[in-house]
Amino acid sequence: MNKGGAMRRLSKALLLVALVHANAHATTALGEINIELYGNIVDFTCVAEGSDSDKIVTLGTWPTKQLSTTGSRTQPVPFTLKLTGCPPGAASITFSGKEDGSDSGLLALNDSSQASNVAVEIRDRDKTRLALQQASQTVAVDAQGNAELSFYANYIATADNPQPGRADADATFMINYN
């Protein structure tokens, strides 16, 4: 067998493989977007227990000297969200709201607040920061479909020398099934 013939057959075989491979990816027209959608259909849906659906967490009154430098924090205030009617398994919470301009993981003060250079930090049950749009640690749902999730919240200075005044923030939460 001569080398030239073998090389031509190998080249033709590689060209054929390349054409087949190119055609396999050419089934999607140029400019189309492929989207993978997934989820679950469940018999139950969790709901926040009555008093927890419009929860108020009082963060307290703090002197500006407590927050005098960027990153300084007030003491974390514990709060819980109780869920009922959950499907078997586990649940978590994802908080959302107006993001702080200096750190998108923090909750910005609302427009009616007078304080400045301050944001609200939400923490998970182990007191690690829980950034906005990030799911919390999961908790097991009990046999009756109940779950209780624990969190903390505190003020955090986003710049040196915050200015005093009302410091209110609003968050919403989404229940995740795991």
C-alpha atoms as a PDB file:
ATOM      1  CA  MET A   1       0.000   0.000   0.000  1.00  0.00           C
ATOM      2  CA  ASN A   2       1.462   3.333  -0.922  1.00  0.00           C
ATOM      3  CA  LYS A   3       1.643   6.187   1.520  1.00  0.00           C
ATOM      4  CA  GLY A   4      -0.044   8.732  -0.785  1.00  0.00           C
ATOM      5  CA  GLY A   5      -3.187   6.574  -1.180  1.00  0.00           C
ATOM      6  CA  ALA A   6      -3.450   5.982   2.549  1.00  0.00           C
ATOM      7  CA  MET A   7      -3.076   9.711   3.250  1.00  0.00           C
ATOM      8  CA  ARG A   8      -5.801  10.565   0.689  1.00  0.00           C
ATOM      9  CA  ARG A   9      -8.194   8.007   2.250  1.00  0.00           C
ATOM     10  CA  LEU A  10      -7.398   9.353   5.754  1.00  0.00           C
ATOM     11  CA  SER A  11      -7.952  12.933   4.544  1.00  0.00           C
ATOM     12  CA  LYS A  12     -11.291  11.966   2.955  1.00  0.00           C
ATOM     13  CA  ALA A  13     -12.345  10.162   6.152  1.00  0.00           C
ATOM     14  CA  LEU A  14     -11.449  13.186   8.283  1.00  0.00           C
ATOM     15  CA  LEU A  15     -13.317  15.491   5.889  1.00  0.00           C
ATOM     16  CA  LEU A  16     -16.394  13.234   6.080  1.00  0.00           C
ATOM     17  CA  VAL A  17     -16.249  13.230   9.901  1.00  0.00           C
ATOM     18  CA  ALA A  18     -15.900  17.031   9.903  1.00  0.00           C
ATOM     19  CA  LEU A  19     -18.906  17.431   7.577  1.00  0.00           C
ATOM     20  CA  VAL A  20     -21.070  15.089   9.667  1.00  0.00           C
ATOM     21  CA  HIS A  21     -19.992  16.903  12.843  1.00  0.00           C
ATOM     22  CA  ALA A  22     -20.768  20.323  11.289  1.00  0.00           C
ATOM     23  CA  ASN A  23     -24.192  19.125  10.124  1.00  0.00           C
ATOM     24  CA  ALA A  24     -25.002  17.796  13.604  1.00  0.00           C
ATOM     25  CA  HIS A  25     -24.628  21.330  15.029  1.00  0.00           C
ATOM     26  CA  ALA A  26     -26.350  22.989  12.081  1.00  0.00           C
ATOM     27  CA  THR A  27     -29.837  21.842  13.186  1.00  0.00           C
ATOM     28  CA  THR A  28     -30.297  25.141  15.069  1.00  0.00           C
ATOM     29  CA  ALA A  29     -30.634  28.150  12.802  1.00  0.00           C
ATOM     30  CA  LEU A  30     -28.151  30.954  13.259  1.00  0.00           C
ATOM     31  CA  GLY A  31     -29.504  33.468  15.772  1.00  0.00           C
ATOM     32  CA  GLU A  32     -31.878  31.077  17.546  1.00  0.00           C
ATOM     33  CA  ILE A  33     -31.610  30.801  21.283  1.00  0.00           C
ATOM     34  CA  ASN A  34     -31.784  27.442  22.968  1.00  0.00           C
ATOM     35  CA  ILE A  35     -33.445  27.562  26.369  1.00  0.00           C
ATOM     36  CA  GLU A  36     -33.660  24.717  28.824  1.00  0.00           C
ATOM     37  CA  LEU A  37     -36.743  24.955  31.026  1.00  0.00           C
ATOM     38  CA  TYR A  38     -37.205  22.780  34.071  1.00  0.00           C
ATOM     39  CA  GLY A  39     -39.187  22.587  37.285  1.00  0.00           C
ATOM     40  CA  ASN A  40     -41.539  20.439  39.307  1.00  0.00           C
ATOM     41  CA  ILE A  41     -45.272  20.063  39.624  1.00  0.00           C
ATOM     42  CA  VAL A  42     -46.253  19.527  43.255  1.00  0.00           C
ATOM     43  CA  ASP A  43     -49.467  18.709  45.100  1.00  0.00           C
ATOM     44  CA  PHE A  44     -48.720  21.202  47.875  1.00  0.00           C
ATOM     45  CA  THR A  45     -47.457  24.747  48.053  1.00  0.00           C
ATOM     46  CA  CYS A  46     -45.844  26.297  51.090  1.00  0.00           C
ATOM     47  CA  VAL A  47     -47.303  29.467  52.473  1.00  0.00           C
ATOM     48  CA  ALA A  48     -45.916  31.755  55.107  1.00  0.00           C
ATOM     49  CA  GLU A  49     -47.798  31.518  58.367  1.00  0.00           C
ATOM     50  CA  GLY A  50     -50.211  34.449  58.688  1.00  0.00           C
ATOM     51  CA  SER A  51     -48.055  36.754  60.808  1.00  0.00           C
ATOM     52  CA  ASP A  52     -44.968  35.979  58.722  1.00  0.00           C
ATOM     53  CA  SER A  53     -46.383  36.953  55.326  1.00  0.00           C
ATOM     54  CA  ASP A  54     -46.006  40.672  56.207  1.00  0.00           C
ATOM     55  CA  LYS A  55     -43.192  40.422  58.721  1.00  0.00           C
ATOM     56  CA  ILE A  56     -41.773  43.456  60.497  1.00  0.00           C
ATOM     57  CA  VAL A  57     -38.248  43.125  61.874  1.00  0.00           C
ATOM     58  CA  THR A  58     -37.224  45.953  64.202  1.00  0.00           C
ATOM     59  CA  LEU A  59     -33.486  46.553  63.857  1.00  0.00           C
ATOM     60  CA  GLY A  60     -33.351  49.047  66.731  1.00  0.00           C
ATOM     61  CA  THR A  61     -31.839  52.470  67.271  1.00  0.00           C
ATOM     62  CA  TRP A  62     -28.085  52.757  66.910  1.00  0.00           C
ATOM     63  CA  PRO A  63     -25.628  55.655  67.284  1.00  0.00           C
ATOM     64  CA  THR A  64     -23.683  56.595  64.143  1.00  0.00           C
ATOM     65  CA  LYS A  65     -20.436  55.855  66.018  1.00  0.00           C
ATOM     66  CA  GLN A  66     -21.467  52.153  65.934  1.00  0.00           C
ATOM     67  CA  LEU A  67     -21.286  52.389  62.116  1.00  0.00           C
ATOM     68  CA  SER A  68     -18.465  54.921  61.766  1.00  0.00           C
ATOM     69  CA  THR A  69     -16.326  52.981  59.268  1.00  0.00           C
ATOM     70  CA  THR A  70     -17.141  51.079  56.096  1.00  0.00           C
ATOM     71  CA  GLY A  71     -18.134  47.491  56.912  1.00  0.00           C
ATOM     72  CA  SER A  72     -18.955  48.090  60.575  1.00  0.00           C
ATOM     73  CA  ARG A  73     -22.197  46.427  61.694  1.00  0.00           C
ATOM     74  CA  THR A  74     -24.824  46.608  64.358  1.00  0.00           C
ATOM     75  CA  GLN A  75     -25.752  43.557  66.403  1.00  0.00           C
ATOM     76  CA  PRO A  76     -27.717  40.998  64.332  1.00  0.00           C
ATOM     77  CA  VAL A  77     -31.424  40.757  65.150  1.00  0.00           C
ATOM     78  CA  PRO A  78     -32.927  37.258  64.839  1.00  0.00           C
ATOM     79  CA  PHE A  79     -36.169  36.588  62.970  1.00  0.00           C
ATOM     80  CA  THR A  80     -37.945  33.488  61.675  1.00  0.00           C
ATOM     81  CA  LEU A  81     -40.246  32.609  58.818  1.00  0.00           C
ATOM     82  CA  LYS A  82     -42.686  29.781  59.492  1.00  0.00           C
ATOM     83  CA  LEU A  83     -44.014  27.874  56.488  1.00  0.00           C
ATOM     84  CA  THR A  84     -47.049  25.596  56.398  1.00  0.00           C
ATOM     85  CA  GLY A  85     -48.542  23.241  53.814  1.00  0.00           C
ATOM     86  CA  CYS A  86     -45.177  22.366  52.287  1.00  0.00           C
ATOM     87  CA  PRO A  87     -44.540  19.288  50.156  1.00  0.00           C
ATOM     88  CA  PRO A  88     -42.273  16.586  51.623  1.00  0.00           C
ATOM     89  CA  GLY A  89     -38.570  17.331  51.431  1.00  0.00           C
ATOM     90  CA  ALA A  90     -36.886  20.604  52.267  1.00  0.00           C
ATOM     91  CA  ALA A  91     -37.431  24.323  51.768  1.00  0.00           C
ATOM     92  CA  SER A  92     -35.277  27.425  51.500  1.00  0.00           C
ATOM     93  CA  ILE A  93     -35.894  31.145  51.052  1.00  0.00           C
ATOM     94  CA  THR A  94     -34.527  33.639  48.523  1.00  0.00           C
ATOM     95  CA  PHE A  95     -34.757  37.310  49.469  1.00  0.00           C
ATOM     96  CA  SER A  96     -34.988  40.098  46.923  1.00  0.00           C
ATOM     97  CA  GLY A  97     -35.378  43.853  47.049  1.00  0.00           C
ATOM     98  CA  LYS A  98     -33.686  47.091  46.077  1.00  0.00           C
ATOM     99  CA  GLU A  99     -29.965  46.365  45.907  1.00  0.00           C
ATOM    100  CA  ASP A 100     -27.502  48.709  47.585  1.00  0.00           C
ATOM    101  CA  GLY A 101     -25.416  50.695  45.092  1.00  0.00           C
ATOM    102  CA  SER A 102     -22.097  49.770  46.717  1.00  0.00           C
ATOM    103  CA  ASP A 103     -22.839  46.051  47.239  1.00  0.00           C
ATOM    104  CA  SER A 104     -25.600  44.246  45.316  1.00  0.00           C
ATOM    105  CA  GLY A 105     -25.795  41.564  48.030  1.00  0.00           C
ATOM    106  CA  LEU A 106     -27.083  44.122  50.536  1.00  0.00           C
ATOM    107  CA  LEU A 107     -30.580  45.546  50.834  1.00  0.00           C
ATOM    108  CA  ALA A 108     -30.672  49.295  50.149  1.00  0.00           C
ATOM    109  CA  LEU A 109     -32.640  51.643  52.344  1.00  0.00           C
ATOM    110  CA  ASN A 110     -35.988  52.638  50.861  1.00  0.00           C
ATOM    111  CA  ASP A 111     -36.626  56.095  49.402  1.00  0.00           C
ATOM    112  CA  SER A 112     -38.391  57.400  52.521  1.00  0.00           C
ATOM    113  CA  SER A 113     -35.271  56.824  54.658  1.00  0.00           C
ATOM    114  CA  GLN A 114     -33.113  59.804  55.638  1.00  0.00           C
ATOM    115  CA  ALA A 115     -30.034  57.874  56.812  1.00  0.00           C
ATOM    116  CA  SER A 116     -27.224  57.439  54.295  1.00  0.00           C
ATOM    117  CA  ASN A 117     -24.172  55.237  53.794  1.00  0.00           C
ATOM    118  CA  VAL A 118     -26.032  52.379  55.478  1.00  0.00           C
ATOM    119  CA  ALA A 119     -27.664  49.214  54.124  1.00  0.00           C
ATOM    120  CA  VAL A 120     -29.292  46.126  55.617  1.00  0.00           C
ATOM    121  CA  GLU A 121     -27.444  42.825  55.697  1.00  0.00           C
ATOM    122  CA  ILE A 122     -29.452  39.599  55.888  1.00  0.00           C
ATOM    123  CA  ARG A 123     -27.726  36.595  57.413  1.00  0.00           C
ATOM    124  CA  ASP A 124     -28.549  32.905  57.308  1.00  0.00           C
ATOM    125  CA  ARG A 125     -29.157  30.787  60.414  1.00  0.00           C
ATOM    126  CA  ASP A 126     -25.394  30.314  60.924  1.00  0.00           C
ATOM    127  CA  LYS A 127     -24.931  34.120  60.709  1.00  0.00           C
ATOM    128  CA  THR A 128     -23.128  34.009  57.343  1.00  0.00           C
ATOM    129  CA  ARG A 129     -24.192  36.708  54.903  1.00  0.00           C
ATOM    130  CA  LEU A 130     -27.126  35.742  52.729  1.00  0.00           C
ATOM    131  CA  ALA A 131     -26.862  37.888  49.621  1.00  0.00           C
ATOM    132  CA  LEU A 132     -29.998  39.011  47.816  1.00  0.00           C
ATOM    133  CA  GLN A 133     -31.087  36.570  45.081  1.00  0.00           C
ATOM    134  CA  GLN A 134     -29.232  33.696  46.828  1.00  0.00           C
ATOM    135  CA  ALA A 135     -31.117  30.744  48.321  1.00  0.00           C
ATOM    136  CA  SER A 136     -30.768  30.242  52.056  1.00  0.00           C
ATOM    137  CA  GLN A 137     -29.665  27.039  53.690  1.00  0.00           C
ATOM    138  CA  THR A 138     -32.372  24.406  53.438  1.00  0.00           C
ATOM    139  CA  VAL A 139     -34.438  23.116  56.323  1.00  0.00           C
ATOM    140  CA  ALA A 140     -36.349  19.872  56.441  1.00  0.00           C
ATOM    141  CA  VAL A 141     -40.115  19.938  56.146  1.00  0.00           C
ATOM    142  CA  ASP A 142     -41.733  17.964  58.983  1.00  0.00           C
ATOM    143  CA  ALA A 143     -44.413  15.267  58.549  1.00  0.00           C
ATOM    144  CA  GLN A 144     -47.180  17.876  58.912  1.00  0.00           C
ATOM    145  CA  GLY A 145     -45.741  20.031  56.085  1.00  0.00           C
ATOM    146  CA  ASN A 146     -44.248  22.700  58.351  1.00  0.00           C
ATOM    147  CA  ALA A 147     -40.821  24.303  58.233  1.00  0.00           C
ATOM    148  CA  GLU A 148     -39.222  27.104  60.215  1.00  0.00           C
ATOM    149  CA  LEU A 149     -36.319  29.096  58.788  1.00  0.00           C
ATOM    150  CA  SER A 150     -34.144  31.293  60.999  1.00  0.00           C
ATOM    151  CA  PHE A 151     -32.378  34.448  59.848  1.00  0.00           C
ATOM    152  CA  TYR A 152     -30.668  37.547  61.179  1.00  0.00           C
ATOM    153  CA  ALA A 153     -30.620  41.145  59.957  1.00  0.00           C
ATOM    154  CA  ASN A 154     -28.423  44.094  60.845  1.00  0.00           C
ATOM    155  CA  TYR A 155     -27.322  47.476  59.583  1.00  0.00           C
ATOM    156  CA  ILE A 156     -23.964  47.708  57.852  1.00  0.00           C
ATOM    157  CA  ALA A 157     -22.013  50.847  56.943  1.00  0.00           C
ATOM    158  CA  THR A 158     -21.424  51.095  53.189  1.00  0.00           C
ATOM    159  CA  ALA A 159     -19.112  54.113  53.574  1.00  0.00           C
ATOM    160  CA  ASP A 160     -17.394  55.976  56.390  1.00  0.00           C
ATOM    161  CA  ASN A 161     -19.388  58.396  58.524  1.00  0.00           C
ATOM    162  CA  PRO A 162     -23.011  57.454  57.828  1.00  0.00           C
ATOM    163  CA  GLN A 163     -25.629  60.154  58.304  1.00  0.00           C
ATOM    164  CA  PRO A 164     -28.400  59.643  60.895  1.00  0.00           C
ATOM    165  CA  GLY A 165     -32.111  59.347  60.193  1.00  0.00           C
ATOM    166  CA  ARG A 166     -34.805  56.729  59.494  1.00  0.00           C
ATOM    167  CA  ALA A 167     -33.212  53.605  58.055  1.00  0.00           C
ATOM    168  CA  ASP A 168     -35.960  51.382  56.627  1.00  0.00           C
ATOM    169  CA  ALA A 169     -35.694  48.714  53.940  1.00  0.00           C
ATOM    170  CA  ASP A 170     -38.176  46.433  52.230  1.00  0.00           C
ATOM    171  CA  ALA A 171     -37.567  42.863  51.096  1.00  0.00           C
ATOM    172  CA  THR A 172     -39.680  40.163  49.546  1.00  0.00           C
ATOM    173  CA  PHE A 173     -39.016  36.469  49.764  1.00  0.00           C
ATOM    174  CA  MET A 174     -39.603  33.488  47.530  1.00  0.00           C
ATOM    175  CA  ILE A 175     -40.026  29.951  48.871  1.00  0.00           C
ATOM    176  CA  ASN A 176     -37.889  27.306  47.172  1.00  0.00           C
ATOM    177  CA  TYR A 177     -38.693  23.579  47.304  1.00  0.00           C
ATOM    178  CA  ASN A 178     -35.748  21.222  47.486  1.00  0.00           C
END
